[in-house]
Amino acid sequence: MMTTTKPVVKCSVANCSYWAAGNKCQAQSIIIDVDANAQAQYDAEFAADFGSKSPESAPTSSVTCCHTFKPKAGESK
């Protein structure tokens, strides 16, 4: 039986509801896109639907963004 382990995702956005001690992301799935799609409205619960979109290339990490971010309760996005 094959077991899969989730990668450790580091994040320094402390006001994200998925942020945990040690700068670790605790989200069940992560949605990352190119900055050109920064205004796209992805819902983290429907991350599987994200895979149906054609993948895009990013020349560097600085032109990518995390769509999984959700502010902690009481904070605005």
PDB file of N, CA and C in Angstrom:
ATOM      1  N   MET A   1       0.838  -1.179   0.000  1.00  0.00           N
ATOM      2  CA  MET A   1       0.000   0.000   0.000  1.00  0.00           C
ATOM      3  C   MET A   1       0.880   1.239   0.000  1.00  0.00           C
ATOM      4  N   MET A   2       0.642   2.129  -0.955  1.00  0.00           N
ATOM      5  CA  MET A   2       1.447   3.336  -1.049  1.00  0.00           C
ATOM      6  C   MET A   2       0.859   4.414  -0.134  1.00  0.00           C
ATOM      7  N   THR A   3       1.709   5.056   0.620  1.00  0.00           N
ATOM      8  CA  THR A   3       1.257   6.178   1.426  1.00  0.00           C
ATOM      9  C   THR A   3       1.851   7.445   0.843  1.00  0.00           C
ATOM     10  N   THR A   4       1.062   8.477   0.843  1.00  0.00           N
ATOM     11  CA  THR A   4       1.550   9.755   0.351  1.00  0.00           C
ATOM     12  C   THR A   4       1.609  10.728   1.509  1.00  0.00           C
ATOM     13  N   THR A   5       2.631  11.520   1.516  1.00  0.00           N
ATOM     14  CA  THR A   5       2.746  12.544   2.546  1.00  0.00           C
ATOM     15  C   THR A   5       2.563  13.903   1.895  1.00  0.00           C
ATOM     16  N   LYS A   6       1.934  14.799   2.612  1.00  0.00           N
ATOM     17  CA  LYS A   6       1.743  16.147   2.120  1.00  0.00           C
ATOM     18  C   LYS A   6       3.058  16.903   2.244  1.00  0.00           C
ATOM     19  N   PRO A   7       3.366  17.728   1.275  1.00  0.00           N
ATOM     20  CA  PRO A   7       4.573  18.541   1.421  1.00  0.00           C
ATOM     21  C   PRO A   7       4.368  19.598   2.504  1.00  0.00           C
ATOM     22  N   VAL A   8       5.436  20.006   3.130  1.00  0.00           N
ATOM     23  CA  VAL A   8       5.359  21.092   4.105  1.00  0.00           C
ATOM     24  C   VAL A   8       5.350  22.386   3.316  1.00  0.00           C
ATOM     25  N   VAL A   9       4.312  23.183   3.501  1.00  0.00           N
ATOM     26  CA  VAL A   9       4.189  24.461   2.814  1.00  0.00           C
ATOM     27  C   VAL A   9       4.457  25.554   3.836  1.00  0.00           C
ATOM     28  N   LYS A  10       5.474  26.358   3.584  1.00  0.00           N
ATOM     29  CA  LYS A  10       5.843  27.454   4.477  1.00  0.00           C
ATOM     30  C   LYS A  10       5.172  28.730   4.003  1.00  0.00           C
ATOM     31  N   CYS A  11       4.683  29.512   4.935  1.00  0.00           N
ATOM     32  CA  CYS A  11       4.006  30.772   4.624  1.00  0.00           C
ATOM     33  C   CYS A  11       4.244  31.757   5.762  1.00  0.00           C
ATOM     34  N   SER A  12       4.552  32.994   5.426  1.00  0.00           N
ATOM     35  CA  SER A  12       4.799  33.995   6.464  1.00  0.00           C
ATOM     36  C   SER A  12       3.655  34.993   6.600  1.00  0.00           C
ATOM     37  N   VAL A  13       2.478  34.680   6.033  1.00  0.00           N
ATOM     38  CA  VAL A  13       1.314  35.555   6.142  1.00  0.00           C
ATOM     39  C   VAL A  13       0.551  35.174   7.408  1.00  0.00           C
ATOM     40  N   ALA A  14       0.942  35.770   8.528  1.00  0.00           N
ATOM     41  CA  ALA A  14       0.419  35.376   9.840  1.00  0.00           C
ATOM     42  C   ALA A  14      -1.065  35.653  10.024  1.00  0.00           C
ATOM     43  N   ASN A  15      -1.667  36.527   9.198  1.00  0.00           N
ATOM     44  CA  ASN A  15      -3.097  36.791   9.364  1.00  0.00           C
ATOM     45  C   ASN A  15      -3.970  35.862   8.528  1.00  0.00           C
ATOM     46  N   CYS A  16      -3.377  34.821   7.934  1.00  0.00           N
ATOM     47  CA  CYS A  16      -4.153  33.837   7.185  1.00  0.00           C
ATOM     48  C   CYS A  16      -4.716  32.806   8.168  1.00  0.00           C
ATOM     49  N   SER A  17      -5.957  32.415   7.955  1.00  0.00           N
ATOM     50  CA  SER A  17      -6.576  31.449   8.871  1.00  0.00           C
ATOM     51  C   SER A  17      -5.903  30.082   8.815  1.00  0.00           C
ATOM     52  N   TYR A  18      -5.121  29.803   7.779  1.00  0.00           N
ATOM     53  CA  TYR A  18      -4.432  28.522   7.662  1.00  0.00           C
ATOM     54  C   TYR A  18      -3.008  28.560   8.229  1.00  0.00           C
ATOM     55  N   TRP A  19      -2.555  29.731   8.665  1.00  0.00           N
ATOM     56  CA  TRP A  19      -1.200  29.882   9.190  1.00  0.00           C
ATOM     57  C   TRP A  19      -1.094  29.168  10.533  1.00  0.00           C
ATOM     58  N   ALA A  20       0.038  28.465  10.746  1.00  0.00           N
ATOM     59  CA  ALA A  20       0.289  27.779  12.017  1.00  0.00           C
ATOM     60  C   ALA A  20       1.722  28.067  12.463  1.00  0.00           C
ATOM     61  N   ALA A  21       1.998  27.771  13.710  1.00  0.00           N
ATOM     62  CA  ALA A  21       3.333  27.982  14.271  1.00  0.00           C
ATOM     63  C   ALA A  21       4.391  27.384  13.359  1.00  0.00           C
ATOM     64  N   GLY A  22       5.517  28.035  13.301  1.00  0.00           N
ATOM     65  CA  GLY A  22       6.597  27.564  12.446  1.00  0.00           C
ATOM     66  C   GLY A  22       6.401  27.981  10.993  1.00  0.00           C
ATOM     67  N   ASN A  23       5.493  28.937  10.764  1.00  0.00           N
ATOM     68  CA  ASN A  23       5.184  29.418   9.410  1.00  0.00           C
ATOM     69  C   ASN A  23       4.730  28.283   8.493  1.00  0.00           C
ATOM     70  N   LYS A  24       3.918  27.376   9.022  1.00  0.00           N
ATOM     71  CA  LYS A  24       3.415  26.251   8.239  1.00  0.00           C
ATOM     72  C   LYS A  24       1.965  26.494   7.836  1.00  0.00           C
ATOM     73  N   CYS A  25       1.649  26.165   6.587  1.00  0.00           N
ATOM     74  CA  CYS A  25       0.281  26.268   6.086  1.00  0.00           C
ATOM     75  C   CYS A  25      -0.455  24.983   6.446  1.00  0.00           C
ATOM     76  N   GLN A  26      -1.640  25.136   7.020  1.00  0.00           N
ATOM     77  CA  GLN A  26      -2.433  23.978   7.425  1.00  0.00           C
ATOM     78  C   GLN A  26      -3.638  23.728   6.524  1.00  0.00           C
ATOM     79  N   ALA A  27      -3.689  24.374   5.355  1.00  0.00           N
ATOM     80  CA  ALA A  27      -4.808  24.167   4.430  1.00  0.00           C
ATOM     81  C   ALA A  27      -4.785  22.743   3.881  1.00  0.00           C
ATOM     82  N   GLN A  28      -5.957  22.203   3.580  1.00  0.00           N
ATOM     83  CA  GLN A  28      -6.060  20.854   3.015  1.00  0.00           C
ATOM     84  C   GLN A  28      -5.523  20.802   1.590  1.00  0.00           C
ATOM     85  N   SER A  29      -5.648  21.903   0.867  1.00  0.00           N
ATOM     86  CA  SER A  29      -5.100  22.001  -0.483  1.00  0.00           C
ATOM     87  C   SER A  29      -4.643  23.440  -0.698  1.00  0.00           C
ATOM     88  N   ILE A  30      -3.739  23.634  -1.642  1.00  0.00           N
ATOM     89  CA  ILE A  30      -3.173  24.944  -1.918  1.00  0.00           C
ATOM     90  C   ILE A  30      -3.446  25.290  -3.378  1.00  0.00           C
ATOM     91  N   ILE A  31      -3.926  26.501  -3.615  1.00  0.00           N
ATOM     92  CA  ILE A  31      -4.151  26.969  -4.980  1.00  0.00           C
ATOM     93  C   ILE A  31      -3.159  28.093  -5.253  1.00  0.00           C
ATOM     94  N   ILE A  32      -2.300  27.879  -6.252  1.00  0.00           N
ATOM     95  CA  ILE A  32      -1.306  28.876  -6.642  1.00  0.00           C
ATOM     96  C   ILE A  32      -1.513  29.161  -8.117  1.00  0.00           C
ATOM     97  N   ASP A  33      -1.458  30.432  -8.486  1.00  0.00           N
ATOM     98  CA  ASP A  33      -1.681  30.830  -9.865  1.00  0.00           C
ATOM     99  C   ASP A  33      -0.679  31.915 -10.234  1.00  0.00           C
ATOM    100  N   VAL A  34      -0.634  32.288 -11.501  1.00  0.00           N
ATOM    101  CA  VAL A  34       0.224  33.385 -11.932  1.00  0.00           C
ATOM    102  C   VAL A  34      -0.459  34.705 -11.579  1.00  0.00           C
ATOM    103  N   ASP A  35       0.337  35.752 -11.362  1.00  0.00           N
ATOM    104  CA  ASP A  35      -0.209  37.046 -10.976  1.00  0.00           C
ATOM    105  C   ASP A  35      -1.221  37.597 -11.973  1.00  0.00           C
ATOM    106  N   ALA A  36      -1.093  37.242 -13.230  1.00  0.00           N
ATOM    107  CA  ALA A  36      -2.050  37.719 -14.242  1.00  0.00           C
ATOM    108  C   ALA A  36      -3.475  37.325 -13.878  1.00  0.00           C
ATOM    109  N   ASN A  37      -3.631  36.266 -13.080  1.00  0.00           N
ATOM    110  CA  ASN A  37      -4.949  35.805 -12.648  1.00  0.00           C
ATOM    111  C   ASN A  37      -5.229  36.159 -11.192  1.00  0.00           C
ATOM    112  N   ALA A  38      -4.550  37.161 -10.670  1.00  0.00           N
ATOM    113  CA  ALA A  38      -4.660  37.512  -9.255  1.00  0.00           C
ATOM    114  C   ALA A  38      -6.084  37.841  -8.826  1.00  0.00           C
ATOM    115  N   GLN A  39      -6.894  38.352  -9.715  1.00  0.00           N
ATOM    116  CA  GLN A  39      -8.263  38.718  -9.356  1.00  0.00           C
ATOM    117  C   GLN A  39      -9.248  37.564  -9.523  1.00  0.00           C
ATOM    118  N   ALA A  40      -8.782  36.412  -9.969  1.00  0.00           N
ATOM    119  CA  ALA A  40      -9.668  35.248 -10.140  1.00  0.00           C
ATOM    120  C   ALA A  40     -10.257  34.860  -8.790  1.00  0.00           C
ATOM    121  N   GLN A  41     -11.487  34.442  -8.772  1.00  0.00           N
ATOM    122  CA  GLN A  41     -12.167  34.059  -7.540  1.00  0.00           C
ATOM    123  C   GLN A  41     -12.208  32.544  -7.416  1.00  0.00           C
ATOM    124  N   TYR A  42     -11.194  31.984  -6.753  1.00  0.00           N
ATOM    125  CA  TYR A  42     -11.151  30.549  -6.502  1.00  0.00           C
ATOM    126  C   TYR A  42     -11.608  30.316  -5.068  1.00  0.00           C
ATOM    127  N   ASP A  43     -12.400  29.300  -4.861  1.00  0.00           N
ATOM    128  CA  ASP A  43     -12.841  28.915  -3.528  1.00  0.00           C
ATOM    129  C   ASP A  43     -12.012  27.708  -3.126  1.00  0.00           C
ATOM    130  N   ALA A  44     -11.310  27.781  -1.984  1.00  0.00           N
ATOM    131  CA  ALA A  44     -10.410  26.699  -1.557  1.00  0.00           C
ATOM    132  C   ALA A  44     -11.131  25.360  -1.462  1.00  0.00           C
ATOM    133  N   GLU A  45     -12.438  25.371  -1.161  1.00  0.00           N
ATOM    134  CA  GLU A  45     -13.184  24.128  -1.055  1.00  0.00           C
ATOM    135  C   GLU A  45     -13.361  23.451  -2.421  1.00  0.00           C
ATOM    136  N   PHE A  46     -13.210  24.206  -3.485  1.00  0.00           N
ATOM    137  CA  PHE A  46     -13.394  23.665  -4.821  1.00  0.00           C
ATOM    138  C   PHE A  46     -12.078  23.613  -5.575  1.00  0.00           C
ATOM    139  N   ALA A  47     -10.994  23.359  -4.863  1.00  0.00           N
ATOM    140  CA  ALA A  47      -9.664  23.341  -5.464  1.00  0.00           C
ATOM    141  C   ALA A  47      -9.555  22.313  -6.584  1.00  0.00           C
ATOM    142  N   ALA A  48     -10.316  21.233  -6.525  1.00  0.00           N
ATOM    143  CA  ALA A  48     -10.254  20.212  -7.573  1.00  0.00           C
ATOM    144  C   ALA A  48     -10.697  20.787  -8.912  1.00  0.00           C
ATOM    145  N   ASP A  49     -11.631  21.732  -8.891  1.00  0.00           N
ATOM    146  CA  ASP A  49     -12.092  22.365 -10.122  1.00  0.00           C
ATOM    147  C   ASP A  49     -10.982  23.180 -10.770  1.00  0.00           C
ATOM    148  N   PHE A  50     -10.053  23.652  -9.986  1.00  0.00           N
ATOM    149  CA  PHE A  50      -8.938  24.451 -10.478  1.00  0.00           C
ATOM    150  C   PHE A  50      -8.125  23.663 -11.498  1.00  0.00           C
ATOM    151  N   GLY A  51      -8.032  22.361 -11.326  1.00  0.00           N
ATOM    152  CA  GLY A  51      -7.246  21.528 -12.215  1.00  0.00           C
ATOM    153  C   GLY A  51      -7.785  21.444 -13.631  1.00  0.00           C
ATOM    154  N   SER A  52      -9.035  21.814 -13.846  1.00  0.00           N
ATOM    155  CA  SER A  52      -9.603  21.744 -15.185  1.00  0.00           C
ATOM    156  C   SER A  52      -9.139  22.899 -16.066  1.00  0.00           C
ATOM    157  N   LYS A  53      -8.573  23.921 -15.463  1.00  0.00           N
ATOM    158  CA  LYS A  53      -8.075  25.073 -16.185  1.00  0.00           C
ATOM    159  C   LYS A  53      -6.736  24.722 -16.819  1.00  0.00           C
ATOM    160  N   SER A  54      -6.456  25.254 -18.002  1.00  0.00           N
ATOM    161  CA  SER A  54      -5.167  24.996 -18.646  1.00  0.00           C
ATOM    162  C   SER A  54      -4.049  25.586 -17.803  1.00  0.00           C
ATOM    163  N   PRO A  55      -2.989  24.830 -17.555  1.00  0.00           N
ATOM    164  CA  PRO A  55      -1.880  25.359 -16.763  1.00  0.00           C
ATOM    165  C   PRO A  55      -1.158  26.471 -17.505  1.00  0.00           C
ATOM    166  N   GLU A  56      -0.630  27.413 -16.749  1.00  0.00           N
ATOM    167  CA  GLU A  56       0.127  28.519 -17.319  1.00  0.00           C
ATOM    168  C   GLU A  56       1.550  28.455 -16.796  1.00  0.00           C
ATOM    169  N   SER A  57       2.473  29.060 -17.528  1.00  0.00           N
ATOM    170  CA  SER A  57       3.876  29.064 -17.123  1.00  0.00           C
ATOM    171  C   SER A  57       4.220  30.354 -16.392  1.00  0.00           C
ATOM    172  N   ALA A  58       5.098  30.240 -15.429  1.00  0.00           N
ATOM    173  CA  ALA A  58       5.598  31.402 -14.700  1.00  0.00           C
ATOM    174  C   ALA A  58       7.120  31.403 -14.810  1.00  0.00           C
ATOM    175  N   PRO A  59       7.712  32.504 -15.244  1.00  0.00           N
ATOM    176  CA  PRO A  59       9.166  32.533 -15.390  1.00  0.00           C
ATOM    177  C   PRO A  59       9.908  32.550 -14.059  1.00  0.00           C
ATOM    178  N   THR A  60       9.286  33.103 -13.008  1.00  0.00           N
ATOM    179  CA  THR A  60       9.911  33.159 -11.680  1.00  0.00           C
ATOM    180  C   THR A  60       8.830  33.047 -10.611  1.00  0.00           C
ATOM    181  N   SER A  61       9.221  32.730  -9.388  1.00  0.00           N
ATOM    182  CA  SER A  61       8.246  32.625  -8.296  1.00  0.00           C
ATOM    183  C   SER A  61       7.623  33.983  -7.967  1.00  0.00           C
ATOM    184  N   SER A  62       8.297  35.070  -8.291  1.00  0.00           N
ATOM    185  CA  SER A  62       7.771  36.394  -7.947  1.00  0.00           C
ATOM    186  C   SER A  62       6.538  36.780  -8.759  1.00  0.00           C
ATOM    187  N   VAL A  63       6.207  36.029  -9.789  1.00  0.00           N
ATOM    188  CA  VAL A  63       5.003  36.324 -10.574  1.00  0.00           C
ATOM    189  C   VAL A  63       3.891  35.321 -10.276  1.00  0.00           C
ATOM    190  N   THR A  64       3.929  34.724  -9.095  1.00  0.00           N
ATOM    191  CA  THR A  64       2.885  33.793  -8.674  1.00  0.00           C
ATOM    192  C   THR A  64       2.209  34.306  -7.406  1.00  0.00           C
ATOM    193  N   CYS A  65       1.012  33.807  -7.143  1.00  0.00           N
ATOM    194  CA  CYS A  65       0.294  34.222  -5.933  1.00  0.00           C
ATOM    195  C   CYS A  65      -0.532  33.050  -5.396  1.00  0.00           C
ATOM    196  N   CYS A  66      -0.798  33.087  -4.104  1.00  0.00           N
ATOM    197  CA  CYS A  66      -1.549  32.036  -3.437  1.00  0.00           C
ATOM    198  C   CYS A  66      -3.017  32.438  -3.345  1.00  0.00           C
ATOM    199  N   HIS A  67      -3.884  31.659  -3.941  1.00  0.00           N
ATOM    200  CA  HIS A  67      -5.321  31.924  -3.877  1.00  0.00           C
ATOM    201  C   HIS A  67      -5.980  31.230  -2.683  1.00  0.00           C
ATOM    202  N   THR A  68      -5.231  30.472  -1.937  1.00  0.00           N
ATOM    203  CA  THR A  68      -5.778  29.758  -0.787  1.00  0.00           C
ATOM    204  C   THR A  68      -5.967  30.690   0.403  1.00  0.00           C
ATOM    205  N   PHE A  69      -5.247  31.802   0.430  1.00  0.00           N
ATOM    206  CA  PHE A  69      -5.305  32.741   1.551  1.00  0.00           C
ATOM    207  C   PHE A  69      -6.732  33.082   1.954  1.00  0.00           C
ATOM    208  N   LYS A  70      -6.991  33.006   3.233  1.00  0.00           N
ATOM    209  CA  LYS A  70      -8.283  33.388   3.803  1.00  0.00           C
ATOM    210  C   LYS A  70      -7.968  34.098   5.110  1.00  0.00           C
ATOM    211  N   PRO A  71      -8.343  35.378   5.267  1.00  0.00           N
ATOM    212  CA  PRO A  71      -7.993  36.091   6.501  1.00  0.00           C
ATOM    213  C   PRO A  71      -8.629  35.453   7.725  1.00  0.00           C
ATOM    214  N   LYS A  72      -7.930  35.564   8.845  1.00  0.00           N
ATOM    215  CA  LYS A  72      -8.489  35.057  10.102  1.00  0.00           C
ATOM    216  C   LYS A  72      -9.786  35.797  10.397  1.00  0.00           C
ATOM    217  N   ALA A  73     -10.645  35.170  11.144  1.00  0.00           N
ATOM    218  CA  ALA A  73     -11.939  35.757  11.504  1.00  0.00           C
ATOM    219  C   ALA A  73     -11.733  37.153  12.089  1.00  0.00           C
ATOM    220  N   GLY A  74     -12.550  38.094  11.652  1.00  0.00           N
ATOM    221  CA  GLY A  74     -12.477  39.450  12.160  1.00  0.00           C
ATOM    222  C   GLY A  74     -11.511  40.345  11.413  1.00  0.00           C
ATOM    223  N   GLU A  75     -10.797  39.803  10.435  1.00  0.00           N
ATOM    224  CA  GLU A  75      -9.864  40.604   9.645  1.00  0.00           C
ATOM    225  C   GLU A  75     -10.340  40.648   8.206  1.00  0.00           C
ATOM    226  N   SER A  76     -10.097  41.757   7.537  1.00  0.00           N
ATOM    227  CA  SER A  76     -10.528  41.868   6.135  1.00  0.00           C
ATOM    228  C   SER A  76      -9.422  41.461   5.200  1.00  0.00           C
ATOM    229  N   LYS A  77      -9.810  41.063   3.999  1.00  0.00           N
ATOM    230  CA  LYS A  77      -8.863  40.592   2.987  1.00  0.00           C
ATOM    231  C   LYS A  77      -8.175  41.750   2.319  1.00  0.00           C
TER     232      LYS A  77
END
